[in-house]
Amino acid sequence: QVQLVESGGGLVQAEGSLRLSCAASGRTFSRYFMGWFRQAPGKERAIVAQIGASSGPTYYADSVKGRFTISRDYAKNTVYLQMNSLKPEDTAVYYCAAGGFGLGLAYRPEYWGQGTQVTVSS
């Protein structure tokens, strides 16, 4: 059974940093897409970042370009999201995603994590 377990969320002040981790088990995703989505209260879930096999290609939502970095550790079957210069509008539940198809806005993951809350205070 495939499991995606996120960690690293929490409360941070504006301009601070957080690093989210997502460890996959039950299947190796080295040849597949992995990514991060987020859902803010009252809004639809939206893609934040995506990374392909061999650490490329990558995609970032316009709102996080230059501030967030997605990376992956193949040996650990883990994907990371380094979030810098956080803003209150980054507050959301962040979901790890794996497998599936499509790039960027067309990404349709096969598997989802349970989500981790990120709250940015002003």
PDB file of N, CA and C in Angstrom:
ATOM      1  N   GLN A   1       0.840  -1.186   0.000  1.00  0.00           N
ATOM      2  CA  GLN A   1       0.000   0.000   0.000  1.00  0.00           C
ATOM      3  C   GLN A   1       0.883   1.246   0.000  1.00  0.00           C
ATOM      4  N   VAL A   2       0.570   2.163  -0.885  1.00  0.00           N
ATOM      5  CA  VAL A   2       1.360   3.378  -0.997  1.00  0.00           C
ATOM      6  C   VAL A   2       0.960   4.368   0.086  1.00  0.00           C
ATOM      7  N   GLN A   3       1.952   4.924   0.743  1.00  0.00           N
ATOM      8  CA  GLN A   3       1.711   5.964   1.731  1.00  0.00           C
ATOM      9  C   GLN A   3       2.643   7.139   1.474  1.00  0.00           C
ATOM     10  N   LEU A   4       2.102   8.334   1.588  1.00  0.00           N
ATOM     11  CA  LEU A   4       2.886   9.563   1.516  1.00  0.00           C
ATOM     12  C   LEU A   4       2.698  10.268   2.850  1.00  0.00           C
ATOM     13  N   VAL A   5       3.789  10.470   3.569  1.00  0.00           N
ATOM     14  CA  VAL A   5       3.714  11.058   4.899  1.00  0.00           C
ATOM     15  C   VAL A   5       4.464  12.373   4.912  1.00  0.00           C
ATOM     16  N   GLU A   6       3.706  13.449   5.114  1.00  0.00           N
ATOM     17  CA  GLU A   6       4.298  14.786   5.141  1.00  0.00           C
ATOM     18  C   GLU A   6       4.718  15.160   6.554  1.00  0.00           C
ATOM     19  N   SER A   7       5.695  16.027   6.631  1.00  0.00           N
ATOM     20  CA  SER A   7       6.122  16.596   7.907  1.00  0.00           C
ATOM     21  C   SER A   7       6.748  17.960   7.645  1.00  0.00           C
ATOM     22  N   GLY A   8       6.892  18.737   8.714  1.00  0.00           N
ATOM     23  CA  GLY A   8       7.577  20.016   8.596  1.00  0.00           C
ATOM     24  C   GLY A   8       6.687  21.235   8.621  1.00  0.00           C
ATOM     25  N   GLY A   9       5.383  21.033   8.628  1.00  0.00           N
ATOM     26  CA  GLY A   9       4.492  22.188   8.688  1.00  0.00           C
ATOM     27  C   GLY A   9       4.509  22.832  10.068  1.00  0.00           C
ATOM     28  N   GLY A  10       3.845  23.977  10.180  1.00  0.00           N
ATOM     29  CA  GLY A  10       3.784  24.660  11.462  1.00  0.00           C
ATOM     30  C   GLY A  10       3.460  26.122  11.311  1.00  0.00           C
ATOM     31  N   LEU A  11       3.702  26.852  12.383  1.00  0.00           N
ATOM     32  CA  LEU A  11       3.441  28.284  12.438  1.00  0.00           C
ATOM     33  C   LEU A  11       4.752  29.041  12.316  1.00  0.00           C
ATOM     34  N   VAL A  12       4.784  30.031  11.428  1.00  0.00           N
ATOM     35  CA  VAL A  12       5.995  30.813  11.216  1.00  0.00           C
ATOM     36  C   VAL A  12       5.599  32.255  10.947  1.00  0.00           C
ATOM     37  N   GLN A  13       6.466  33.164  11.293  1.00  0.00           N
ATOM     38  CA  GLN A  13       6.211  34.576  11.016  1.00  0.00           C
ATOM     39  C   GLN A  13       6.529  34.900   9.564  1.00  0.00           C
ATOM     40  N   ALA A  14       5.907  35.949   9.074  1.00  0.00           N
ATOM     41  CA  ALA A  14       6.175  36.399   7.705  1.00  0.00           C
ATOM     42  C   ALA A  14       7.675  36.626   7.514  1.00  0.00           C
ATOM     43  N   GLU A  15       8.137  36.293   6.327  1.00  0.00           N
ATOM     44  CA  GLU A  15       9.556  36.346   5.933  1.00  0.00           C
ATOM     45  C   GLU A  15      10.366  35.180   6.503  1.00  0.00           C
ATOM     46  N   GLY A  16       9.715  34.297   7.250  1.00  0.00           N
ATOM     47  CA  GLY A  16      10.424  33.134   7.765  1.00  0.00           C
ATOM     48  C   GLY A  16      10.485  32.009   6.750  1.00  0.00           C
ATOM     49  N   SER A  17      11.031  30.874   7.188  1.00  0.00           N
ATOM     50  CA  SER A  17      11.222  29.725   6.304  1.00  0.00           C
ATOM     51  C   SER A  17      10.709  28.450   6.959  1.00  0.00           C
ATOM     52  N   LEU A  18      10.288  27.530   6.122  1.00  0.00           N
ATOM     53  CA  LEU A  18       9.925  26.181   6.552  1.00  0.00           C
ATOM     54  C   LEU A  18      10.368  25.215   5.469  1.00  0.00           C
ATOM     55  N   ARG A  19      10.623  23.982   5.889  1.00  0.00           N
ATOM     56  CA  ARG A  19      10.957  22.935   4.931  1.00  0.00           C
ATOM     57  C   ARG A  19      10.003  21.774   5.137  1.00  0.00           C
ATOM     58  N   LEU A  20       9.223  21.483   4.120  1.00  0.00           N
ATOM     59  CA  LEU A  20       8.316  20.349   4.158  1.00  0.00           C
ATOM     60  C   LEU A  20       9.002  19.120   3.577  1.00  0.00           C
ATOM     61  N   SER A  21       8.695  17.981   4.168  1.00  0.00           N
ATOM     62  CA  SER A  21       9.214  16.705   3.676  1.00  0.00           C
ATOM     63  C   SER A  21       8.046  15.770   3.414  1.00  0.00           C
ATOM     64  N   CYS A  22       8.226  14.902   2.451  1.00  0.00           N
ATOM     65  CA  CYS A  22       7.217  13.886   2.143  1.00  0.00           C
ATOM     66  C   CYS A  22       7.932  12.588   1.837  1.00  0.00           C
ATOM     67  N   ALA A  23       7.755  11.622   2.724  1.00  0.00           N
ATOM     68  CA  ALA A  23       8.378  10.319   2.558  1.00  0.00           C
ATOM     69  C   ALA A  23       7.372   9.350   1.972  1.00  0.00           C
ATOM     70  N   ALA A  24       7.757   8.717   0.873  1.00  0.00           N
ATOM     71  CA  ALA A  24       6.885   7.743   0.209  1.00  0.00           C
ATOM     72  C   ALA A  24       7.283   6.333   0.597  1.00  0.00           C
ATOM     73  N   SER A  25       6.301   5.495   0.774  1.00  0.00           N
ATOM     74  CA  SER A  25       6.562   4.087   1.060  1.00  0.00           C
ATOM     75  C   SER A  25       5.569   3.246   0.280  1.00  0.00           C
ATOM     76  N   GLY A  26       5.950   2.006   0.060  1.00  0.00           N
ATOM     77  CA  GLY A  26       5.071   1.093  -0.652  1.00  0.00           C
ATOM     78  C   GLY A  26       5.292   1.056  -2.144  1.00  0.00           C
ATOM     79  N   ARG A  27       6.071   2.001  -2.647  1.00  0.00           N
ATOM     80  CA  ARG A  27       6.365   2.052  -4.077  1.00  0.00           C
ATOM     81  C   ARG A  27       7.494   3.042  -4.287  1.00  0.00           C
ATOM     82  N   THR A  28       8.323   2.767  -5.268  1.00  0.00           N
ATOM     83  CA  THR A  28       9.410   3.687  -5.594  1.00  0.00           C
ATOM     84  C   THR A  28       8.940   4.648  -6.676  1.00  0.00           C
ATOM     85  N   PHE A  29       9.147   5.945  -6.411  1.00  0.00           N
ATOM     86  CA  PHE A  29       8.684   6.962  -7.351  1.00  0.00           C
ATOM     87  C   PHE A  29       9.816   7.611  -8.130  1.00  0.00           C
ATOM     88  N   SER A  30      10.972   6.955  -8.181  1.00  0.00           N
ATOM     89  CA  SER A  30      12.138   7.579  -8.799  1.00  0.00           C
ATOM     90  C   SER A  30      11.911   7.924 -10.264  1.00  0.00           C
ATOM     91  N   ARG A  31      11.038   7.173 -10.936  1.00  0.00           N
ATOM     92  CA  ARG A  31      10.805   7.446 -12.357  1.00  0.00           C
ATOM     93  C   ARG A  31       9.522   8.231 -12.588  1.00  0.00           C
ATOM     94  N   TYR A  32       8.968   8.764 -11.511  1.00  0.00           N
ATOM     95  CA  TYR A  32       7.665   9.403 -11.631  1.00  0.00           C
ATOM     96  C   TYR A  32       7.691  10.824 -11.085  1.00  0.00           C
ATOM     97  N   PHE A  33       6.665  11.575 -11.450  1.00  0.00           N
ATOM     98  CA  PHE A  33       6.509  12.915 -10.913  1.00  0.00           C
ATOM     99  C   PHE A  33       6.224  12.859  -9.423  1.00  0.00           C
ATOM    100  N   MET A  34       6.683  13.877  -8.743  1.00  0.00           N
ATOM    101  CA  MET A  34       6.246  14.155  -7.373  1.00  0.00           C
ATOM    102  C   MET A  34       6.008  15.650  -7.271  1.00  0.00           C
ATOM    103  N   GLY A  35       5.189  16.045  -6.324  1.00  0.00           N
ATOM    104  CA  GLY A  35       4.884  17.467  -6.249  1.00  0.00           C
ATOM    105  C   GLY A  35       4.207  17.860  -4.963  1.00  0.00           C
ATOM    106  N   TRP A  36       3.904  19.147  -4.884  1.00  0.00           N
ATOM    107  CA  TRP A  36       3.211  19.723  -3.743  1.00  0.00           C
ATOM    108  C   TRP A  36       2.039  20.573  -4.231  1.00  0.00           C
ATOM    109  N   PHE A  37       0.922  20.426  -3.555  1.00  0.00           N
ATOM    110  CA  PHE A  37      -0.258  21.251  -3.775  1.00  0.00           C
ATOM    111  C   PHE A  37      -0.584  21.937  -2.454  1.00  0.00           C
ATOM    112  N   ARG A  38      -1.454  22.936  -2.521  1.00  0.00           N
ATOM    113  CA  ARG A  38      -1.930  23.560  -1.291  1.00  0.00           C
ATOM    114  C   ARG A  38      -3.382  23.981  -1.450  1.00  0.00           C
ATOM    115  N   GLN A  39      -4.049  24.022  -0.316  1.00  0.00           N
ATOM    116  CA  GLN A  39      -5.445  24.442  -0.305  1.00  0.00           C
ATOM    117  C   GLN A  39      -5.660  25.391   0.858  1.00  0.00           C
ATOM    118  N   ALA A  40      -5.991  26.614   0.533  1.00  0.00           N
ATOM    119  CA  ALA A  40      -6.302  27.621   1.538  1.00  0.00           C
ATOM    120  C   ALA A  40      -7.796  27.578   1.840  1.00  0.00           C
ATOM    121  N   PRO A  41      -8.207  28.075   2.996  1.00  0.00           N
ATOM    122  CA  PRO A  41      -9.627  28.071   3.340  1.00  0.00           C
ATOM    123  C   PRO A  41     -10.472  28.768   2.282  1.00  0.00           C
ATOM    124  N   GLY A  42     -11.518  28.090   1.836  1.00  0.00           N
ATOM    125  CA  GLY A  42     -12.415  28.672   0.857  1.00  0.00           C
ATOM    126  C   GLY A  42     -11.914  28.649  -0.565  1.00  0.00           C
ATOM    127  N   LYS A  43     -10.762  28.035  -0.786  1.00  0.00           N
ATOM    128  CA  LYS A  43     -10.196  27.984  -2.136  1.00  0.00           C
ATOM    129  C   LYS A  43     -10.001  26.544  -2.569  1.00  0.00           C
ATOM    130  N   GLU A  44      -9.833  26.361  -3.867  1.00  0.00           N
ATOM    131  CA  GLU A  44      -9.584  25.033  -4.405  1.00  0.00           C
ATOM    132  C   GLU A  44      -8.116  24.651  -4.223  1.00  0.00           C
ATOM    133  N   ARG A  45      -7.885  23.355  -4.197  1.00  0.00           N
ATOM    134  CA  ARG A  45      -6.518  22.871  -4.128  1.00  0.00           C
ATOM    135  C   ARG A  45      -5.794  23.238  -5.417  1.00  0.00           C
ATOM    136  N   ALA A  46      -4.565  23.733  -5.279  1.00  0.00           N
ATOM    137  CA  ALA A  46      -3.803  24.192  -6.437  1.00  0.00           C
ATOM    138  C   ALA A  46      -2.360  23.721  -6.347  1.00  0.00           C
ATOM    139  N   ILE A  47      -1.772  23.517  -7.489  1.00  0.00           N
ATOM    140  CA  ILE A  47      -0.389  23.048  -7.515  1.00  0.00           C
ATOM    141  C   ILE A  47       0.558  24.162  -7.070  1.00  0.00           C
ATOM    142  N   VAL A  48       1.569  23.780  -6.326  1.00  0.00           N
ATOM    143  CA  VAL A  48       2.615  24.696  -5.880  1.00  0.00           C
ATOM    144  C   VAL A  48       3.900  24.438  -6.656  1.00  0.00           C
ATOM    145  N   ALA A  49       4.295  23.165  -6.709  1.00  0.00           N
ATOM    146  CA  ALA A  49       5.540  22.813  -7.387  1.00  0.00           C
ATOM    147  C   ALA A  49       5.507  21.347  -7.782  1.00  0.00           C
ATOM    148  N   GLN A  50       6.269  21.019  -8.804  1.00  0.00           N
ATOM    149  CA  GLN A  50       6.320  19.662  -9.322  1.00  0.00           C
ATOM    150  C   GLN A  50       7.742  19.372  -9.782  1.00  0.00           C
ATOM    151  N   ILE A  51       8.150  18.123  -9.612  1.00  0.00           N
ATOM    152  CA  ILE A  51       9.480  17.730 -10.055  1.00  0.00           C
ATOM    153  C   ILE A  51       9.395  16.381 -10.744  1.00  0.00           C
ATOM    154  N   GLY A  52      10.160  16.249 -11.833  1.00  0.00           N
ATOM    155  CA  GLY A  52      10.135  15.015 -12.585  1.00  0.00           C
ATOM    156  C   GLY A  52      11.252  14.069 -12.186  1.00  0.00           C
ATOM    157  N   ALA A  53      11.393  12.986 -12.925  1.00  0.00           N
ATOM    158  CA  ALA A  53      12.477  12.043 -12.698  1.00  0.00           C
ATOM    159  C   ALA A  53      13.809  12.722 -12.965  1.00  0.00           C
ATOM    160  N   SER A  54      14.862  12.228 -12.354  1.00  0.00           N
ATOM    161  CA  SER A  54      16.208  12.811 -12.484  1.00  0.00           C
ATOM    162  C   SER A  54      16.212  14.280 -12.112  1.00  0.00           C
ATOM    163  N   SER A  55      15.358  14.644 -11.152  1.00  0.00           N
ATOM    164  CA  SER A  55      15.245  16.020 -10.649  1.00  0.00           C
ATOM    165  C   SER A  55      14.894  17.031 -11.723  1.00  0.00           C
ATOM    166  N   GLY A  56      14.214  16.618 -12.759  1.00  0.00           N
ATOM    167  CA  GLY A  56      13.770  17.566 -13.759  1.00  0.00           C
ATOM    168  C   GLY A  56      12.739  16.944 -14.654  1.00  0.00           C
ATOM    169  N   PRO A  57      11.866  17.664 -15.322  1.00  0.00           N
ATOM    170  CA  PRO A  57      11.718  19.107 -15.221  1.00  0.00           C
ATOM    171  C   PRO A  57      11.042  19.530 -13.924  1.00  0.00           C
ATOM    172  N   THR A  58      11.078  20.813 -13.632  1.00  0.00           N
ATOM    173  CA  THR A  58      10.382  21.349 -12.475  1.00  0.00           C
ATOM    174  C   THR A  58       9.383  22.394 -12.922  1.00  0.00           C
ATOM    175  N   TYR A  59       8.378  22.569 -12.092  1.00  0.00           N
ATOM    176  CA  TYR A  59       7.349  23.573 -12.334  1.00  0.00           C
ATOM    177  C   TYR A  59       7.063  24.266 -11.017  1.00  0.00           C
ATOM    178  N   TYR A  60       6.855  25.571 -11.077  1.00  0.00           N
ATOM    179  CA  TYR A  60       6.466  26.338  -9.900  1.00  0.00           C
ATOM    180  C   TYR A  60       5.292  27.241 -10.254  1.00  0.00           C
ATOM    181  N   ALA A  61       4.366  27.331  -9.347  1.00  0.00           N
ATOM    182  CA  ALA A  61       3.300  28.314  -9.500  1.00  0.00           C
ATOM    183  C   ALA A  61       3.914  29.709  -9.471  1.00  0.00           C
ATOM    184  N   ASP A  62       3.339  30.625 -10.218  1.00  0.00           N
ATOM    185  CA  ASP A  62       3.891  31.986 -10.289  1.00  0.00           C
ATOM    186  C   ASP A  62       4.023  32.619  -8.910  1.00  0.00           C
ATOM    187  N   SER A  63       3.094  32.301  -8.037  1.00  0.00           N
ATOM    188  CA  SER A  63       3.073  32.941  -6.723  1.00  0.00           C
ATOM    189  C   SER A  63       4.220  32.527  -5.819  1.00  0.00           C
ATOM    190  N   VAL A  64       4.918  31.440  -6.170  1.00  0.00           N
ATOM    191  CA  VAL A  64       6.000  30.981  -5.300  1.00  0.00           C
ATOM    192  C   VAL A  64       7.361  30.993  -5.979  1.00  0.00           C
ATOM    193  N   LYS A  65       7.408  31.344  -7.245  1.00  0.00           N
ATOM    194  CA  LYS A  65       8.686  31.363  -7.963  1.00  0.00           C
ATOM    195  C   LYS A  65       9.679  32.281  -7.269  1.00  0.00           C
ATOM    196  N   GLY A  66      10.900  31.785  -7.122  1.00  0.00           N
ATOM    197  CA  GLY A  66      11.946  32.565  -6.485  1.00  0.00           C
ATOM    198  C   GLY A  66      11.956  32.455  -4.975  1.00  0.00           C
ATOM    199  N   ARG A  67      10.909  31.871  -4.397  1.00  0.00           N
ATOM    200  CA  ARG A  67      10.831  31.722  -2.938  1.00  0.00           C
ATOM    201  C   ARG A  67      10.828  30.268  -2.503  1.00  0.00           C
ATOM    202  N   PHE A  68      10.216  29.396  -3.285  1.00  0.00           N
ATOM    203  CA  PHE A  68      10.112  27.974  -2.950  1.00  0.00           C
ATOM    204  C   PHE A  68      11.019  27.167  -3.871  1.00  0.00           C
ATOM    205  N   THR A  69      11.555  26.067  -3.322  1.00  0.00           N
ATOM    206  CA  THR A  69      12.374  25.155  -4.105  1.00  0.00           C
ATOM    207  C   THR A  69      11.959  23.725  -3.818  1.00  0.00           C
ATOM    208  N   ILE A  70      11.683  22.985  -4.881  1.00  0.00           N
ATOM    209  CA  ILE A  70      11.340  21.569  -4.733  1.00  0.00           C
ATOM    210  C   ILE A  70      12.567  20.735  -5.059  1.00  0.00           C
ATOM    211  N   SER A  71      12.760  19.672  -4.292  1.00  0.00           N
ATOM    212  CA  SER A  71      13.886  18.773  -4.545  1.00  0.00           C
ATOM    213  C   SER A  71      13.489  17.375  -4.102  1.00  0.00           C
ATOM    214  N   ARG A  72      14.318  16.407  -4.474  1.00  0.00           N
ATOM    215  CA  ARG A  72      13.982  15.042  -4.082  1.00  0.00           C
ATOM    216  C   ARG A  72      15.245  14.262  -3.777  1.00  0.00           C
ATOM    217  N   ASP A  73      15.106  13.312  -2.874  1.00  0.00           N
ATOM    218  CA  ASP A  73      16.184  12.400  -2.507  1.00  0.00           C
ATOM    219  C   ASP A  73      15.743  11.014  -2.958  1.00  0.00           C
ATOM    220  N   TYR A  74      16.385  10.519  -4.014  1.00  0.00           N
ATOM    221  CA  TYR A  74      15.959   9.241  -4.580  1.00  0.00           C
ATOM    222  C   TYR A  74      16.228   8.084  -3.633  1.00  0.00           C
ATOM    223  N   ALA A  75      17.318   8.146  -2.925  1.00  0.00           N
ATOM    224  CA  ALA A  75      17.657   7.065  -2.002  1.00  0.00           C
ATOM    225  C   ALA A  75      16.623   6.944  -0.891  1.00  0.00           C
ATOM    226  N   LYS A  76      16.054   8.085  -0.483  1.00  0.00           N
ATOM    227  CA  LYS A  76      15.081   8.083   0.607  1.00  0.00           C
ATOM    228  C   LYS A  76      13.642   8.083   0.101  1.00  0.00           C
ATOM    229  N   ASN A  77      13.467   8.114  -1.222  1.00  0.00           N
ATOM    230  CA  ASN A  77      12.120   8.153  -1.799  1.00  0.00           C
ATOM    231  C   ASN A  77      11.315   9.300  -1.193  1.00  0.00           C
ATOM    232  N   THR A  78      11.974  10.449  -1.086  1.00  0.00           N
ATOM    233  CA  THR A  78      11.415  11.604  -0.392  1.00  0.00           C
ATOM    234  C   THR A  78      11.492  12.841  -1.273  1.00  0.00           C
ATOM    235  N   VAL A  79      10.474  13.686  -1.165  1.00  0.00           N
ATOM    236  CA  VAL A  79      10.464  14.966  -1.852  1.00  0.00           C
ATOM    237  C   VAL A  79      10.368  16.074  -0.805  1.00  0.00           C
ATOM    238  N   TYR A  80      11.020  17.192  -1.081  1.00  0.00           N
ATOM    239  CA  TYR A  80      11.076  18.308  -0.151  1.00  0.00           C
ATOM    240  C   TYR A  80      10.520  19.577  -0.802  1.00  0.00           C
ATOM    241  N   LEU A  81      10.073  20.479   0.050  1.00  0.00           N
ATOM    242  CA  LEU A  81       9.694  21.800  -0.409  1.00  0.00           C
ATOM    243  C   LEU A  81      10.296  22.812   0.561  1.00  0.00           C
ATOM    244  N   GLN A  82      11.334  23.497   0.107  1.00  0.00           N
ATOM    245  CA  GLN A  82      11.941  24.551   0.905  1.00  0.00           C
ATOM    246  C   GLN A  82      11.196  25.846   0.625  1.00  0.00           C
ATOM    247  N   MET A  83      10.647  26.427   1.670  1.00  0.00           N
ATOM    248  CA  MET A  83       9.832  27.632   1.518  1.00  0.00           C
ATOM    249  C   MET A  83      10.510  28.781   2.259  1.00  0.00           C
ATOM    250  N   ASN A  84      10.914  29.784   1.514  1.00  0.00           N
ATOM    251  CA  ASN A  84      11.563  30.961   2.080  1.00  0.00           C
ATOM    252  C   ASN A  84      10.701  32.198   1.853  1.00  0.00           C
ATOM    253  N   SER A  85      11.005  33.241   2.587  1.00  0.00           N
ATOM    254  CA  SER A  85      10.279  34.517   2.447  1.00  0.00           C
ATOM    255  C   SER A  85       8.772  34.295   2.472  1.00  0.00           C
ATOM    256  N   LEU A  86       8.326  33.533   3.443  1.00  0.00           N
ATOM    257  CA  LEU A  86       6.910  33.181   3.521  1.00  0.00           C
ATOM    258  C   LEU A  86       6.038  34.400   3.753  1.00  0.00           C
ATOM    259  N   LYS A  87       4.851  34.359   3.165  1.00  0.00           N
ATOM    260  CA  LYS A  87       3.877  35.438   3.270  1.00  0.00           C
ATOM    261  C   LYS A  87       2.593  34.897   3.908  1.00  0.00           C
ATOM    262  N   PRO A  88       1.810  35.762   4.517  1.00  0.00           N
ATOM    263  CA  PRO A  88       0.545  35.282   5.083  1.00  0.00           C
ATOM    264  C   PRO A  88      -0.335  34.573   4.054  1.00  0.00           C
ATOM    265  N   GLU A  89      -0.257  34.991   2.802  1.00  0.00           N
ATOM    266  CA  GLU A  89      -1.076  34.341   1.769  1.00  0.00           C
ATOM    267  C   GLU A  89      -0.587  32.937   1.415  1.00  0.00           C
ATOM    268  N   ASP A  90       0.537  32.525   1.965  1.00  0.00           N
ATOM    269  CA  ASP A  90       1.002  31.138   1.791  1.00  0.00           C
ATOM    270  C   ASP A  90       0.327  30.193   2.784  1.00  0.00           C
ATOM    271  N   THR A  91      -0.437  30.740   3.711  1.00  0.00           N
ATOM    272  CA  THR A  91      -1.137  29.916   4.688  1.00  0.00           C
ATOM    273  C   THR A  91      -2.104  28.967   3.995  1.00  0.00           C
ATOM    274  N   ALA A  92      -1.949  27.674   4.273  1.00  0.00           N
ATOM    275  CA  ALA A  92      -2.763  26.648   3.614  1.00  0.00           C
ATOM    276  C   ALA A  92      -2.405  25.287   4.189  1.00  0.00           C
ATOM    277  N   VAL A  93      -3.204  24.302   3.808  1.00  0.00           N
ATOM    278  CA  VAL A  93      -2.809  22.910   4.023  1.00  0.00           C
ATOM    279  C   VAL A  93      -2.022  22.479   2.785  1.00  0.00           C
ATOM    280  N   TYR A  94      -0.842  21.972   3.013  1.00  0.00           N
ATOM    281  CA  TYR A  94       0.030  21.554   1.924  1.00  0.00           C
ATOM    282  C   TYR A  94      -0.022  20.035   1.781  1.00  0.00           C
ATOM    283  N   TYR A  95      -0.237  19.591   0.542  1.00  0.00           N
ATOM    284  CA  TYR A  95      -0.365  18.171   0.264  1.00  0.00           C
ATOM    285  C   TYR A  95       0.762  17.691  -0.647  1.00  0.00           C
ATOM    286  N   CYS A  96       1.338  16.577  -0.283  1.00  0.00           N
ATOM    287  CA  CYS A  96       2.303  15.908  -1.135  1.00  0.00           C
ATOM    288  C   CYS A  96       1.545  15.075  -2.169  1.00  0.00           C
ATOM    289  N   ALA A  97       2.119  14.971  -3.368  1.00  0.00           N
ATOM    290  CA  ALA A  97       1.498  14.190  -4.431  1.00  0.00           C
ATOM    291  C   ALA A  97       2.565  13.394  -5.154  1.00  0.00           C
ATOM    292  N   ALA A  98       2.171  12.238  -5.685  1.00  0.00           N
ATOM    293  CA  ALA A  98       3.141  11.387  -6.373  1.00  0.00           C
ATOM    294  C   ALA A  98       2.472  10.593  -7.485  1.00  0.00           C
ATOM    295  N   GLY A  99       3.311  10.223  -8.466  1.00  0.00           N
ATOM    296  CA  GLY A  99       2.797   9.452  -9.585  1.00  0.00           C
ATOM    297  C   GLY A  99       1.894  10.289 -10.469  1.00  0.00           C
ATOM    298  N   GLY A 100       1.095   9.600 -11.291  1.00  0.00           N
ATOM    299  CA  GLY A 100       0.168  10.311 -12.144  1.00  0.00           C
ATOM    300  C   GLY A 100       0.817  10.824 -13.411  1.00  0.00           C
ATOM    301  N   PHE A 101       0.222  11.856 -14.010  1.00  0.00           N
ATOM    302  CA  PHE A 101       0.693  12.367 -15.291  1.00  0.00           C
ATOM    303  C   PHE A 101       0.417  13.859 -15.395  1.00  0.00           C
ATOM    304  N   GLY A 102       1.008  14.454 -16.428  1.00  0.00           N
ATOM    305  CA  GLY A 102       0.770  15.868 -16.704  1.00  0.00           C
ATOM    306  C   GLY A 102       1.813  16.761 -16.070  1.00  0.00           C
ATOM    307  N   LEU A 103       1.990  17.942 -16.649  1.00  0.00           N
ATOM    308  CA  LEU A 103       2.963  18.905 -16.147  1.00  0.00           C
ATOM    309  C   LEU A 103       2.269  20.171 -15.698  1.00  0.00           C
ATOM    310  N   GLY A 104       2.764  20.739 -14.621  1.00  0.00           N
ATOM    311  CA  GLY A 104       2.271  22.022 -14.163  1.00  0.00           C
ATOM    312  C   GLY A 104       0.790  21.998 -13.824  1.00  0.00           C
ATOM    313  N   LEU A 105       0.045  22.918 -14.401  1.00  0.00           N
ATOM    314  CA  LEU A 105      -1.385  23.001 -14.114  1.00  0.00           C
ATOM    315  C   LEU A 105      -2.135  21.755 -14.571  1.00  0.00           C
ATOM    316  N   ALA A 106      -1.519  20.983 -15.456  1.00  0.00           N
ATOM    317  CA  ALA A 106      -2.154  19.758 -15.954  1.00  0.00           C
ATOM    318  C   ALA A 106      -1.779  18.531 -15.151  1.00  0.00           C
ATOM    319  N   TYR A 107      -1.032  18.713 -14.082  1.00  0.00           N
ATOM    320  CA  TYR A 107      -0.589  17.563 -13.292  1.00  0.00           C
ATOM    321  C   TYR A 107      -1.762  16.937 -12.567  1.00  0.00           C
ATOM    322  N   ARG A 108      -1.917  15.622 -12.727  1.00  0.00           N
ATOM    323  CA  ARG A 108      -2.967  14.856 -12.074  1.00  0.00           C
ATOM    324  C   ARG A 108      -2.310  13.711 -11.320  1.00  0.00           C
ATOM    325  N   PRO A 109      -2.044  13.900 -10.037  1.00  0.00           N
ATOM    326  CA  PRO A 109      -1.345  12.878  -9.265  1.00  0.00           C
ATOM    327  C   PRO A 109      -2.175  11.609  -9.088  1.00  0.00           C
ATOM    328  N   GLU A 110      -1.465  10.537  -8.824  1.00  0.00           N
ATOM    329  CA  GLU A 110      -2.121   9.263  -8.531  1.00  0.00           C
ATOM    330  C   GLU A 110      -2.316   9.080  -7.033  1.00  0.00           C
ATOM    331  N   TYR A 111      -1.366   9.607  -6.263  1.00  0.00           N
ATOM    332  CA  TYR A 111      -1.412   9.424  -4.821  1.00  0.00           C
ATOM    333  C   TYR A 111      -1.285  10.773  -4.103  1.00  0.00           C
ATOM    334  N   TRP A 112      -1.914  10.825  -2.919  1.00  0.00           N
ATOM    335  CA  TRP A 112      -1.918  12.046  -2.118  1.00  0.00           C
ATOM    336  C   TRP A 112      -1.508  11.743  -0.685  1.00  0.00           C
ATOM    337  N   GLY A 113      -0.822  12.697  -0.065  1.00  0.00           N
ATOM    338  CA  GLY A 113      -0.579  12.628   1.365  1.00  0.00           C
ATOM    339  C   GLY A 113      -1.784  13.174   2.117  1.00  0.00           C
ATOM    340  N   GLN A 114      -1.673  13.153   3.444  1.00  0.00           N
ATOM    341  CA  GLN A 114      -2.806  13.561   4.276  1.00  0.00           C
ATOM    342  C   GLN A 114      -2.837  15.066   4.501  1.00  0.00           C
ATOM    343  N   GLY A 115      -1.760  15.746   4.174  1.00  0.00           N
ATOM    344  CA  GLY A 115      -1.711  17.197   4.311  1.00  0.00           C
ATOM    345  C   GLY A 115      -1.047  17.646   5.598  1.00  0.00           C
ATOM    346  N   THR A 116      -0.399  18.787   5.524  1.00  0.00           N
ATOM    347  CA  THR A 116       0.226  19.388   6.700  1.00  0.00           C
ATOM    348  C   THR A 116      -0.062  20.889   6.670  1.00  0.00           C
ATOM    349  N   GLN A 117      -0.425  21.414   7.831  1.00  0.00           N
ATOM    350  CA  GLN A 117      -0.835  22.823   7.915  1.00  0.00           C
ATOM    351  C   GLN A 117       0.392  23.734   7.981  1.00  0.00           C
ATOM    352  N   VAL A 118       0.366  24.764   7.164  1.00  0.00           N
ATOM    353  CA  VAL A 118       1.359  25.831   7.229  1.00  0.00           C
ATOM    354  C   VAL A 118       0.612  27.132   7.494  1.00  0.00           C
ATOM    355  N   THR A 119       0.982  27.800   8.559  1.00  0.00           N
ATOM    356  CA  THR A 119       0.351  29.060   8.924  1.00  0.00           C
ATOM    357  C   THR A 119       1.424  30.133   9.026  1.00  0.00           C
ATOM    358  N   VAL A 120       1.235  31.216   8.283  1.00  0.00           N
ATOM    359  CA  VAL A 120       2.193  32.319   8.277  1.00  0.00           C
ATOM    360  C   VAL A 120       1.522  33.536   8.902  1.00  0.00           C
ATOM    361  N   SER A 121       2.080  34.005   9.995  1.00  0.00           N
ATOM    362  CA  SER A 121       1.505  35.157  10.682  1.00  0.00           C
ATOM    363  C   SER A 121       2.169  36.448  10.212  1.00  0.00           C
ATOM    364  N   SER A 122       1.390  37.510  10.210  1.00  0.00           N
ATOM    365  CA  SER A 122       1.924  38.810   9.749  1.00  0.00           C
ATOM    366  C   SER A 122       2.556  39.583  10.888  1.00  0.00           C
TER     367      SER A 122
END
